[in-house]
Amino acid sequence: MVIDVNHFTITRSLDAPVDRVWEIIGNPGASPGRGVDVRVERPGAADGTGLVRVVKVGLATIHEEITDVGPGRVVSYRMTKGAPVRDYTSSVALQESPDGGTLVSWDARFRPVVPGTGWAVSLVSKHTLSRVLDALAESSGARGGHSEN
């Protein structure tokens, strides 16, 4: 049985310079802010590629491996443990917005272990990633920020 791939993207505008936001996101071994705990289990290359981390947000504990950093301001990773999914891959990309702020785009793809539960996994994942973006906004000094998805 082939299970369909689920996909979602969260976009948020932050009123903080893209270089400041990249200082936080571009360091995958560090926490993006309050309420998000990151523990490195295995260091990676100088840019973070290959790093294995455990990320705790609220009750969720996720194990991830950084698969790529760059080109540009992009970090890609795969989830290795922590949710009822297979083949979970995600990337977070930053772009400078016309007003000098930052547009954050978080894209995720996965296959649910249990067919028909992709909507629930997406809902929980979006909520968790929204909390990470809230922490990022606070850490970057953004004066707000709003989700566009």
Foldseek 3Di string as FASTA:
>chain_A
DDFDKDKDKKKKWFQFALVLLLVQVQPVQQALAPQKDKHWPDADPPSRQQTWIWIDHPPFIWIKGWHDQDDPGKTKIATDDTAQWPPKIKMWHWDQDPVRTIMIMIMIMTGGNDHPCSVVVVVVVVVRVVVSVVRNNVSRVTPDMDMPD
